[in-house]
Amino acid sequence: MVHLTLPEQTGHPATTSPEPARNSGAETPAPSRAGFVVSKAVGNAVVRNKVRRRLRHLARERLADLPGGSTLVVRALPPAAEASYARLGADLDAALAAARSPRGRRSR
């Protein structure tokens, strides 16, 4: 299960702020970040950490494809403990594609 929050796209011109300007150019976007939820239902601590490490590596490869400032939350379900690396990658790709699609009715 994946939750993806993309940065808001505003078409408004830059507003004035009482804060002093720190850069004399365009603002650099915040980096994309990822978080992982691996509950005890997945397995013992060794299994949970293995799943978390595999997901972290897979997500790191895909963060560059997300807009700056995006937040990705990945929740591992119990079958992730037995899934191969390739299967986790395919599932993560499918979940990211679903999260990026328009928010219409989604089948479960």
C-alpha atoms as a PDB file:
ATOM      1  CA  MET A   1       0.000   0.000   0.000  1.00  0.00           C
ATOM      2  CA  VAL A   2       1.379   3.393  -0.981  1.00  0.00           C
ATOM      3  CA  HIS A   3       0.350   6.931  -0.123  1.00  0.00           C
ATOM      4  CA  LEU A   4       1.879   9.652  -2.285  1.00  0.00           C
ATOM      5  CA  THR A   5       1.611  13.352  -1.513  1.00  0.00           C
ATOM      6  CA  LEU A   6       2.780  15.656  -4.276  1.00  0.00           C
ATOM      7  CA  PRO A   7       3.712  19.287  -3.650  1.00  0.00           C
ATOM      8  CA  GLU A   8       1.013  21.826  -4.395  1.00  0.00           C
ATOM      9  CA  GLN A   9       1.287  23.511  -7.758  1.00  0.00           C
ATOM     10  CA  THR A  10       0.512  27.187  -7.375  1.00  0.00           C
ATOM     11  CA  GLY A  11       0.260  29.530 -10.282  1.00  0.00           C
ATOM     12  CA  HIS A  12       0.447  32.590  -8.074  1.00  0.00           C
ATOM     13  CA  PRO A  13       3.345  34.986  -8.473  1.00  0.00           C
ATOM     14  CA  ALA A  14       5.843  35.142  -5.654  1.00  0.00           C
ATOM     15  CA  THR A  15       4.418  36.887  -2.635  1.00  0.00           C
ATOM     16  CA  THR A  16       6.344  39.312  -0.532  1.00  0.00           C
ATOM     17  CA  SER A  17       7.540  38.050   2.788  1.00  0.00           C
ATOM     18  CA  PRO A  18       9.001  39.766   5.838  1.00  0.00           C
ATOM     19  CA  GLU A  19      11.746  37.106   5.748  1.00  0.00           C
ATOM     20  CA  PRO A  20      15.026  38.233   4.182  1.00  0.00           C
ATOM     21  CA  ALA A  21      15.958  36.638   0.891  1.00  0.00           C
ATOM     22  CA  ARG A  22      18.663  34.041   1.419  1.00  0.00           C
ATOM     23  CA  ASN A  23      19.228  33.139  -2.205  1.00  0.00           C
ATOM     24  CA  SER A  24      19.575  35.496  -5.103  1.00  0.00           C
ATOM     25  CA  GLY A  25      17.868  33.150  -7.532  1.00  0.00           C
ATOM     26  CA  ALA A  26      15.170  30.590  -7.904  1.00  0.00           C
ATOM     27  CA  GLU A  27      14.115  28.606  -4.881  1.00  0.00           C
ATOM     28  CA  THR A  28      15.366  25.045  -4.838  1.00  0.00           C
ATOM     29  CA  PRO A  29      12.588  22.524  -4.293  1.00  0.00           C
ATOM     30  CA  ALA A  30      12.606  20.414  -1.168  1.00  0.00           C
ATOM     31  CA  PRO A  31      13.877  16.882  -1.746  1.00  0.00           C
ATOM     32  CA  SER A  32      11.445  14.000  -2.075  1.00  0.00           C
ATOM     33  CA  ARG A  33      11.235  11.786   0.972  1.00  0.00           C
ATOM     34  CA  ALA A  34       9.953   8.336   1.838  1.00  0.00           C
ATOM     35  CA  GLY A  35       8.698   6.651   4.981  1.00  0.00           C
ATOM     36  CA  PHE A  36       7.952   3.007   5.708  1.00  0.00           C
ATOM     37  CA  VAL A  37       5.399   1.274   7.927  1.00  0.00           C
ATOM     38  CA  VAL A  38       6.228  -2.358   8.665  1.00  0.00           C
ATOM     39  CA  SER A  39       4.065  -3.724  11.470  1.00  0.00           C
ATOM     40  CA  LYS A  40       4.596  -6.769  13.658  1.00  0.00           C
ATOM     41  CA  ALA A  41       2.095  -8.616  11.459  1.00  0.00           C
ATOM     42  CA  VAL A  42       4.862  -8.854   8.833  1.00  0.00           C
ATOM     43  CA  GLY A  43       7.100 -10.918  11.110  1.00  0.00           C
ATOM     44  CA  ASN A  44       9.663 -10.708  13.873  1.00  0.00           C
ATOM     45  CA  ALA A  45      12.193  -7.853  14.101  1.00  0.00           C
ATOM     46  CA  VAL A  46      14.686  -9.519  11.764  1.00  0.00           C
ATOM     47  CA  VAL A  47      12.047 -10.033   9.056  1.00  0.00           C
ATOM     48  CA  ARG A  48      10.605  -6.523   9.474  1.00  0.00           C
ATOM     49  CA  ASN A  49      14.055  -4.940   9.151  1.00  0.00           C
ATOM     50  CA  LYS A  50      14.840  -7.039   6.078  1.00  0.00           C
ATOM     51  CA  VAL A  51      11.583  -5.918   4.428  1.00  0.00           C
ATOM     52  CA  ARG A  52      12.269  -2.287   5.411  1.00  0.00           C
ATOM     53  CA  ARG A  53      15.808  -2.400   3.971  1.00  0.00           C
ATOM     54  CA  ARG A  54      14.569  -3.885   0.691  1.00  0.00           C
ATOM     55  CA  LEU A  55      11.765  -1.315   0.395  1.00  0.00           C
ATOM     56  CA  ARG A  56      14.143   1.518   1.239  1.00  0.00           C
ATOM     57  CA  HIS A  57      16.509   0.455  -1.547  1.00  0.00           C
ATOM     58  CA  LEU A  58      13.630   0.121  -4.033  1.00  0.00           C
ATOM     59  CA  ALA A  59      12.150   3.495  -3.069  1.00  0.00           C
ATOM     60  CA  ARG A  60      15.541   5.240  -3.310  1.00  0.00           C
ATOM     61  CA  GLU A  61      15.719   4.239  -6.987  1.00  0.00           C
ATOM     62  CA  ARG A  62      12.263   5.690  -7.626  1.00  0.00           C
ATOM     63  CA  LEU A  63      12.423   8.947  -5.620  1.00  0.00           C
ATOM     64  CA  ALA A  64      14.260  10.735  -8.424  1.00  0.00           C
ATOM     65  CA  ASP A  65      11.199  10.241 -10.657  1.00  0.00           C
ATOM     66  CA  LEU A  66       8.938  12.095  -8.213  1.00  0.00           C
ATOM     67  CA  PRO A  67       8.581  15.893  -8.144  1.00  0.00           C
ATOM     68  CA  GLY A  68      10.639  17.712  -5.514  1.00  0.00           C
ATOM     69  CA  GLY A  69       8.880  17.959  -2.176  1.00  0.00           C
ATOM     70  CA  SER A  70       6.901  14.736  -2.652  1.00  0.00           C
ATOM     71  CA  THR A  71       6.220  12.494   0.320  1.00  0.00           C
ATOM     72  CA  LEU A  72       5.953   8.746  -0.229  1.00  0.00           C
ATOM     73  CA  VAL A  73       4.635   6.448   2.508  1.00  0.00           C
ATOM     74  CA  VAL A  74       4.918   2.698   1.916  1.00  0.00           C
ATOM     75  CA  ARG A  75       3.046   0.259   4.154  1.00  0.00           C
ATOM     76  CA  ALA A  76       4.284  -3.313   3.979  1.00  0.00           C
ATOM     77  CA  LEU A  77       1.635  -6.013   4.255  1.00  0.00           C
ATOM     78  CA  PRO A  78       2.395  -9.491   5.678  1.00  0.00           C
ATOM     79  CA  PRO A  79       2.986 -11.138   2.254  1.00  0.00           C
ATOM     80  CA  ALA A  80       5.971  -8.775   1.784  1.00  0.00           C
ATOM     81  CA  ALA A  81       7.985 -10.996   4.133  1.00  0.00           C
ATOM     82  CA  GLU A  82       7.961 -13.844   1.605  1.00  0.00           C
ATOM     83  CA  ALA A  83       8.054 -11.759  -1.592  1.00  0.00           C
ATOM     84  CA  SER A  84      11.138 -11.699  -3.800  1.00  0.00           C
ATOM     85  CA  TYR A  85      13.010  -8.473  -4.462  1.00  0.00           C
ATOM     86  CA  ALA A  86      11.684  -8.396  -8.036  1.00  0.00           C
ATOM     87  CA  ARG A  87       8.112  -8.916  -6.804  1.00  0.00           C
ATOM     88  CA  LEU A  88       8.442  -6.092  -4.241  1.00  0.00           C
ATOM     89  CA  GLY A  89       9.759  -3.816  -7.001  1.00  0.00           C
ATOM     90  CA  ALA A  90       6.886  -4.688  -9.335  1.00  0.00           C
ATOM     91  CA  ASP A  91       4.344  -4.150  -6.545  1.00  0.00           C
ATOM     92  CA  LEU A  92       5.910  -0.809  -5.637  1.00  0.00           C
ATOM     93  CA  ASP A  93       5.858   0.311  -9.289  1.00  0.00           C
ATOM     94  CA  ALA A  94       2.186  -0.678  -9.609  1.00  0.00           C
ATOM     95  CA  ALA A  95       1.291   1.110  -6.377  1.00  0.00           C
ATOM     96  CA  LEU A  96       3.137   4.275  -7.463  1.00  0.00           C
ATOM     97  CA  ALA A  97       1.340   4.215 -10.825  1.00  0.00           C
ATOM     98  CA  ALA A  98      -2.005   3.875  -9.043  1.00  0.00           C
ATOM     99  CA  ALA A  99      -1.130   6.686  -6.628  1.00  0.00           C
ATOM    100  CA  ARG A 100      -0.190   8.992  -9.517  1.00  0.00           C
ATOM    101  CA  SER A 101      -3.404   8.319 -11.437  1.00  0.00           C
ATOM    102  CA  PRO A 102      -6.312  10.759 -11.084  1.00  0.00           C
ATOM    103  CA  ARG A 103      -8.353  10.317  -7.931  1.00  0.00           C
ATOM    104  CA  GLY A 104     -11.432   8.782  -9.526  1.00  0.00           C
ATOM    105  CA  ARG A 105     -12.993   5.541  -8.422  1.00  0.00           C
ATOM    106  CA  ARG A 106     -10.356   2.899  -7.863  1.00  0.00           C
ATOM    107  CA  SER A 107     -11.050  -0.798  -7.747  1.00  0.00           C
ATOM    108  CA  ARG A 108      -9.814  -2.618  -4.671  1.00  0.00           C
END
